[in-house]
N, C-alpha and C. Protein backbone atom coordinates (compact mmCIF):
# COMPACT_ATOMS: atom_id res chain seq x y z
N UNK A 1 -5.77 3.05 -16.02
CA UNK A 1 -6.12 2.65 -17.34
C UNK A 1 -4.81 3.00 -18.06
N UNK A 2 -4.56 1.99 -19.05
CA UNK A 2 -3.31 2.06 -19.93
C UNK A 2 -3.34 3.17 -20.91
N UNK A 3 -2.23 3.84 -21.01
CA UNK A 3 -2.22 5.03 -21.96
C UNK A 3 -2.69 4.50 -23.41
N UNK A 4 -2.17 3.05 -23.57
CA UNK A 4 -2.55 2.68 -25.22
C UNK A 4 -3.95 2.71 -25.53
N UNK A 5 -4.89 2.67 -24.39
CA UNK A 5 -6.27 2.58 -24.65
C UNK A 5 -7.02 4.03 -24.54
N UNK A 6 -6.40 4.98 -24.07
CA UNK A 6 -6.91 6.16 -23.80
C UNK A 6 -6.79 7.20 -25.11
N UNK A 7 -7.78 7.25 -25.74
CA UNK A 7 -7.86 7.97 -27.10
C UNK A 7 -9.20 8.99 -26.92
N UNK A 8 -8.92 10.28 -26.94
CA UNK A 8 -10.13 11.16 -26.51
C UNK A 8 -10.53 11.67 -27.88
N UNK A 9 -10.07 11.13 -29.18
CA UNK A 9 -10.44 11.64 -30.48
C UNK A 9 -11.35 10.83 -31.08
N UNK A 10 -11.75 9.71 -30.46
CA UNK A 10 -12.79 8.62 -30.89
C UNK A 10 -13.88 8.65 -29.98
N UNK A 11 -15.02 8.44 -30.62
CA UNK A 11 -16.41 8.43 -29.64
C UNK A 11 -17.05 7.11 -29.86
N UNK A 12 -17.45 6.50 -28.82
CA UNK A 12 -18.73 5.54 -28.80
C UNK A 12 -19.72 6.04 -28.05
N UNK A 13 -20.87 5.90 -28.93
CA UNK A 13 -22.18 6.28 -28.12
C UNK A 13 -23.16 5.11 -27.84
N UNK A 14 -23.70 4.86 -26.97
CA UNK A 14 -24.63 3.81 -26.55
C UNK A 14 -25.87 4.21 -26.04
N UNK A 15 -26.99 3.41 -25.98
CA UNK A 15 -28.36 3.91 -25.26
C UNK A 15 -28.39 2.59 -24.28
N UNK A 16 -28.88 2.81 -23.16
CA UNK A 16 -29.07 1.51 -22.14
C UNK A 16 -30.43 2.00 -21.33
N UNK A 17 -30.80 1.02 -20.61
CA UNK A 17 -31.67 1.27 -19.56
C UNK A 17 -31.36 2.11 -18.45
N UNK A 18 -32.23 2.64 -17.45
CA UNK A 18 -32.00 3.55 -16.73
C UNK A 18 -31.41 2.54 -15.58
N UNK A 19 -31.73 1.49 -15.43
CA UNK A 19 -31.25 0.37 -14.30
C UNK A 19 -29.87 0.22 -14.65
N UNK A 20 -29.57 -0.08 -15.91
CA UNK A 20 -28.09 -0.47 -16.40
C UNK A 20 -27.36 0.62 -16.14
N UNK A 21 -27.65 1.74 -16.55
CA UNK A 21 -27.04 3.17 -16.20
C UNK A 21 -26.72 3.37 -14.71
N UNK A 22 -27.70 3.21 -13.98
CA UNK A 22 -27.49 3.30 -12.50
C UNK A 22 -26.29 2.45 -11.96
N UNK A 23 -26.41 1.24 -12.61
CA UNK A 23 -25.53 0.18 -11.96
C UNK A 23 -24.02 0.35 -12.43
N UNK A 24 -23.93 0.74 -13.73
CA UNK A 24 -22.67 1.32 -14.32
C UNK A 24 -21.99 2.64 -13.43
N UNK A 25 -22.84 3.38 -13.15
CA UNK A 25 -22.48 4.68 -12.48
C UNK A 25 -22.02 4.24 -10.97
N UNK A 26 -22.93 3.27 -10.38
CA UNK A 26 -22.55 2.95 -9.10
C UNK A 26 -21.22 2.07 -9.04
N UNK A 27 -21.01 1.17 -9.95
CA UNK A 27 -19.82 0.46 -10.31
C UNK A 27 -18.48 1.51 -10.45
N UNK A 28 -18.60 2.53 -11.57
CA UNK A 28 -17.56 3.22 -11.47
C UNK A 28 -17.37 4.12 -10.45
N UNK A 29 -18.36 4.65 -9.62
CA UNK A 29 -17.84 5.21 -8.21
C UNK A 29 -17.37 4.35 -7.18
N UNK A 30 -17.62 3.01 -7.17
CA UNK A 30 -17.01 2.06 -6.33
C UNK A 30 -15.64 1.95 -6.72
N UNK A 31 -15.31 2.05 -7.98
CA UNK A 31 -14.00 1.74 -8.37
C UNK A 31 -13.06 3.15 -8.29
N UNK A 32 -13.85 4.15 -8.05
CA UNK A 32 -12.95 5.44 -8.02
C UNK A 32 -12.53 6.11 -9.37
N UNK A 33 -13.45 5.80 -10.35
CA UNK A 33 -13.31 6.29 -11.83
C UNK A 33 -14.48 6.92 -12.28
N UNK A 34 -14.47 7.52 -13.60
CA UNK A 34 -15.62 8.01 -14.19
C UNK A 34 -16.35 7.00 -14.99
N UNK A 35 -17.39 7.20 -15.35
CA UNK A 35 -18.33 6.17 -16.12
C UNK A 35 -17.57 6.00 -17.39
N UNK A 36 -17.20 6.93 -18.03
CA UNK A 36 -16.30 6.69 -19.45
C UNK A 36 -15.07 5.86 -18.91
N UNK A 37 -14.35 6.23 -18.07
CA UNK A 37 -13.11 5.35 -17.67
C UNK A 37 -13.47 4.07 -17.31
N UNK A 38 -14.52 3.81 -16.62
CA UNK A 38 -14.96 2.63 -16.35
C UNK A 38 -15.38 1.56 -17.36
N UNK A 39 -16.16 2.12 -18.29
CA UNK A 39 -16.69 1.48 -19.49
C UNK A 39 -15.59 1.01 -20.41
N UNK A 40 -14.69 2.11 -20.70
CA UNK A 40 -13.68 1.99 -21.70
C UNK A 40 -12.80 0.84 -21.08
N UNK A 41 -12.56 0.79 -20.04
CA UNK A 41 -11.53 0.02 -19.45
C UNK A 41 -12.03 -1.48 -19.48
N UNK A 42 -13.45 -1.63 -19.24
CA UNK A 42 -14.06 -2.98 -19.14
C UNK A 42 -14.29 -3.53 -20.62
N UNK A 43 -14.84 -2.53 -21.36
CA UNK A 43 -15.20 -2.88 -22.84
C UNK A 43 -13.72 -3.39 -23.33
N UNK A 44 -12.61 -2.62 -23.31
CA UNK A 44 -11.43 -3.04 -23.82
C UNK A 44 -10.94 -4.31 -23.29
N UNK A 45 -10.93 -4.70 -22.04
CA UNK A 45 -10.46 -5.84 -21.46
C UNK A 45 -11.50 -6.99 -22.08
N UNK A 46 -12.67 -6.71 -22.26
CA UNK A 46 -13.62 -7.77 -22.82
C UNK A 46 -13.46 -8.13 -24.23
N UNK A 47 -12.94 -7.11 -24.93
CA UNK A 47 -12.65 -7.12 -26.50
C UNK A 47 -11.43 -7.97 -26.51
N UNK A 48 -10.33 -7.54 -25.82
CA UNK A 48 -9.01 -8.44 -25.86
C UNK A 48 -9.29 -9.81 -25.70
N UNK A 49 -10.06 -10.01 -24.51
CA UNK A 49 -10.59 -11.59 -24.47
C UNK A 49 -11.29 -12.31 -25.56
N UNK A 50 -12.19 -11.58 -26.13
CA UNK A 50 -12.84 -12.03 -27.36
C UNK A 50 -11.81 -12.25 -28.44
N UNK A 51 -10.91 -11.39 -28.65
CA UNK A 51 -9.84 -11.30 -29.79
C UNK A 51 -8.89 -12.66 -29.76
N UNK A 52 -8.56 -12.63 -28.37
CA UNK A 52 -7.64 -13.77 -27.97
C UNK A 52 -8.20 -15.09 -27.94
N UNK A 53 -9.39 -15.15 -27.58
CA UNK A 53 -10.14 -16.32 -27.74
C UNK A 53 -10.21 -17.05 -29.23
N UNK A 54 -10.60 -16.03 -30.01
CA UNK A 54 -10.71 -16.15 -31.34
C UNK A 54 -9.22 -16.51 -31.99
N UNK A 55 -8.23 -15.84 -31.60
CA UNK A 55 -7.05 -16.03 -32.37
C UNK A 55 -6.19 -17.34 -31.69
N UNK A 56 -6.61 -17.92 -30.76
CA UNK A 56 -5.89 -18.94 -30.15
C UNK A 56 -6.31 -20.38 -30.32
N UNK A 57 -5.61 -20.88 -30.70
CA UNK A 57 -6.05 -22.44 -31.14
C UNK A 57 -5.64 -23.36 -29.87
N UNK A 58 -6.39 -24.14 -29.20
CA UNK A 58 -6.04 -24.93 -28.16
C UNK A 58 -5.99 -26.41 -28.44
N UNK A 59 -4.83 -27.02 -28.26
CA UNK A 59 -4.91 -28.33 -28.64
C UNK A 59 -4.60 -29.30 -27.27
N UNK A 60 -5.10 -30.53 -27.46
CA UNK A 60 -4.47 -31.35 -26.27
C UNK A 60 -3.22 -31.90 -26.59
N UNK A 61 -2.56 -32.47 -25.56
CA UNK A 61 -0.93 -32.72 -25.78
C UNK A 61 -1.01 -33.79 -26.81
N UNK A 62 -2.00 -34.81 -26.96
CA UNK A 62 -1.67 -35.78 -28.11
C UNK A 62 -1.88 -35.09 -29.49
N UNK A 63 -2.65 -33.98 -29.73
CA UNK A 63 -3.12 -33.39 -31.07
C UNK A 63 -1.69 -32.60 -31.17
N UNK A 64 -1.20 -31.95 -30.13
CA UNK A 64 -0.04 -31.23 -30.52
C UNK A 64 0.92 -31.86 -30.86
N UNK A 65 1.42 -33.02 -30.35
CA UNK A 65 2.32 -34.14 -30.81
C UNK A 65 2.19 -34.49 -31.90
N UNK A 66 0.99 -34.91 -32.52
CA UNK A 66 0.74 -35.35 -33.82
C UNK A 66 1.04 -34.15 -34.89
N UNK A 67 0.66 -32.91 -34.67
CA UNK A 67 0.80 -31.59 -35.39
C UNK A 67 2.41 -31.52 -35.36
N UNK A 68 2.97 -31.55 -34.40
CA UNK A 68 4.49 -31.37 -34.42
C UNK A 68 5.24 -32.43 -35.13
N UNK A 69 4.76 -33.63 -35.18
CA UNK A 69 5.50 -34.81 -35.75
C UNK A 69 5.16 -34.51 -37.50
N UNK A 70 4.00 -34.00 -37.70
CA UNK A 70 3.78 -34.09 -39.10
C UNK A 70 4.42 -32.82 -39.69
N UNK A 71 4.73 -31.71 -38.87
CA UNK A 71 5.50 -30.60 -39.23
C UNK A 71 6.90 -30.99 -39.56
N UNK A 72 7.41 -31.89 -38.58
CA UNK A 72 9.07 -32.16 -38.59
C UNK A 72 9.17 -33.28 -39.71
N UNK A 73 8.35 -34.18 -39.84
CA UNK A 73 8.35 -35.29 -40.80
C UNK A 73 7.26 -35.61 -41.75
N UNK A 74 7.03 -34.38 -42.52
CA UNK A 74 5.80 -34.54 -43.43
C UNK A 74 5.93 -35.74 -44.24
N UNK A 75 4.56 -36.08 -44.79
CA UNK A 75 4.51 -37.33 -45.63
C UNK A 75 5.05 -37.00 -47.06
N UNK A 76 5.42 -37.98 -47.73
CA UNK A 76 6.12 -37.72 -49.25
C UNK A 76 4.79 -37.27 -50.04
N UNK A 77 5.06 -36.29 -50.69
CA UNK A 77 3.62 -35.93 -51.75
C UNK A 77 3.25 -37.00 -52.57
N UNK A 78 1.99 -37.18 -52.84
CA UNK A 78 1.40 -38.17 -53.63
C UNK A 78 1.51 -37.81 -54.91
N UNK A 79 1.15 -38.58 -56.07
CA UNK A 79 1.25 -38.24 -57.35
C UNK A 79 0.15 -36.94 -57.66
N UNK A 80 -0.86 -37.19 -57.18
CA UNK A 80 -1.89 -36.13 -57.47
C UNK A 80 -1.47 -34.63 -56.82
N UNK A 81 -0.94 -34.62 -55.55
CA UNK A 81 -0.19 -33.17 -55.23
C UNK A 81 0.98 -32.93 -56.16
N UNK A 82 1.66 -33.78 -56.44
CA UNK A 82 2.81 -33.31 -57.57
C UNK A 82 2.26 -32.65 -58.67
N UNK A 83 1.37 -33.33 -59.40
CA UNK A 83 0.74 -32.93 -60.59
C UNK A 83 0.08 -31.50 -60.33
N UNK A 84 -0.73 -31.42 -59.25
CA UNK A 84 -1.37 -30.10 -58.85
C UNK A 84 -0.55 -29.02 -58.71
N UNK A 85 0.73 -29.23 -58.08
CA UNK A 85 1.85 -28.21 -57.88
C UNK A 85 2.52 -27.81 -58.92
N UNK A 86 2.59 -28.82 -60.14
CA UNK A 86 3.34 -28.61 -61.45
C UNK A 86 2.35 -27.56 -62.47
N UNK A 87 1.12 -27.44 -62.02
CA UNK A 87 0.36 -26.67 -62.81
C UNK A 87 0.71 -25.12 -62.64
N UNK A 88 0.57 -24.47 -63.91
CA UNK A 88 0.96 -22.96 -63.72
C UNK A 88 -0.52 -22.27 -64.04
């Protein structure tokens, strides 16, 4: 487990069914770790995936090229945009 996710000063408590607890205990034993270590590592990895999926924008090659083109050569501002930007 990464030292960056080991933090013994914070707690997370949860309740589960007896079946789920037994499965988690078995998995932890098979991995040679504690239940807490097993749960922390797996919850942390799942959380990183969720955050990464939320923070990542995937584009097709065509969409990326259209985006890059519009950034490199933006259209000239129309009168309405110039008027809006002139407001204070």
